[in-house]
Protein backbone atom coordinates (compact mmCIF):
# COMPACT_ATOMS: atom_id res chain seq x y z
CA UNK A 1 43.71 40.54 69.85
CA UNK A 2 46.30 37.79 70.15
CA UNK A 3 47.74 37.07 66.49
CA UNK A 4 51.40 36.55 64.87
CA UNK A 5 53.21 39.47 64.33
CA UNK A 6 53.25 39.04 60.68
CA UNK A 7 49.55 38.99 60.39
CA UNK A 8 49.52 42.54 62.70
CA UNK A 9 51.67 43.94 60.24
CA UNK A 10 49.97 42.68 57.23
CA UNK A 11 46.99 44.57 58.83
CA UNK A 12 48.57 47.58 59.56
CA UNK A 13 48.27 47.23 63.40
CA UNK A 14 50.56 48.32 66.11
CA UNK A 15 52.52 45.51 68.03
CA UNK A 16 51.87 46.10 71.67
CA UNK A 17 53.87 43.06 73.21
CA UNK A 18 55.66 40.62 71.60
CA UNK A 19 55.21 37.44 73.36
CA UNK A 20 56.42 33.92 73.67
CA UNK A 21 53.32 31.70 73.69
CA UNK A 22 53.21 28.79 76.14
CA UNK A 23 50.75 26.35 76.78
CA UNK A 24 49.93 24.55 79.92
CA UNK A 25 48.91 21.00 79.47
CA UNK A 26 47.28 20.29 82.61
CA UNK A 27 43.69 20.16 81.97
CA UNK A 28 41.89 22.69 83.83
CA UNK A 29 38.04 23.60 84.60
CA UNK A 30 37.51 26.95 83.82
CA UNK A 31 36.06 27.16 87.76
CA UNK A 32 39.04 25.74 89.27
CA UNK A 33 40.75 27.91 92.04
CA UNK A 34 44.70 27.93 92.41
CA UNK A 35 46.03 27.08 89.00
CA UNK A 36 46.34 30.68 87.76
CA UNK A 37 47.30 31.74 91.21
CA UNK A 38 50.14 29.42 91.32
CA UNK A 39 51.31 29.92 88.07
CA UNK A 40 51.55 33.71 87.89
CA UNK A 41 53.04 33.81 91.65
CA UNK A 42 56.03 31.64 90.41
CA UNK A 43 56.54 33.88 87.08
CA UNK A 44 56.23 36.92 89.56
CA UNK A 45 58.82 35.59 91.88
CA UNK A 46 60.97 35.23 88.59
CA UNK A 47 60.11 38.88 87.63
CA UNK A 48 58.29 37.18 84.59
CA UNK A 49 55.31 39.35 83.68
CA UNK A 50 52.69 37.20 82.06
CA UNK A 51 48.98 37.49 80.66
CA UNK A 52 46.90 34.39 81.17
CA UNK A 53 44.39 33.36 78.70
CA UNK A 54 42.13 30.58 80.31
CA UNK A 55 40.97 27.93 77.80
CA UNK A 56 38.31 25.15 77.88
CA UNK A 57 40.84 22.37 77.74
CA UNK A 58 44.29 24.37 78.36
CA UNK A 59 45.66 27.43 79.66
CA UNK A 60 47.63 29.56 77.62
CA UNK A 61 50.43 32.26 79.06
CA UNK A 62 52.24 35.11 77.08
CA UNK A 63 55.37 36.15 78.27
CA UNK A 64 57.92 38.34 77.04
CA UNK A 65 59.71 36.81 74.15
CA UNK A 66 63.19 37.17 75.42
CA UNK A 67 62.08 35.27 78.63
CA UNK A 68 60.14 32.73 76.93
CA UNK A 69 62.90 29.32 77.85
CA UNK A 70 63.39 30.87 81.33
CA UNK A 71 59.61 30.96 82.01
CA UNK A 72 59.47 27.50 80.90
CA UNK A 73 61.99 26.43 83.45
CA UNK A 74 60.24 28.40 86.01
CA UNK A 75 57.06 26.42 85.56
CA UNK A 76 59.24 22.82 85.12
CA UNK A 77 60.37 23.86 88.72
CA UNK A 78 56.74 23.96 89.61
CA UNK A 79 55.46 21.10 88.22
CA UNK A 80 58.33 19.32 90.11
CA UNK A 81 57.72 20.83 93.22
CA UNK A 82 54.04 20.12 92.96
CA UNK A 83 54.44 16.24 92.34
CA UNK A 84 56.60 15.83 95.36
């Protein structure tokens, strides 16, 4: 389950992973190939773990909350290099 920590606490559920939620604003098809691989490779190179949830119109990334800002910076560099 992905839900706010306050909701998990209210339900008495354990919190297994505190994450920063990053939504990719790139429109991607659920059958497209390569977007998840490119994003996960860039984050892996920076040693940032990532859980991906592919949505119909946007993909959502969940990274360790302490590394959220760093992950956004990595993704911005990836986006800049892709547009060159």
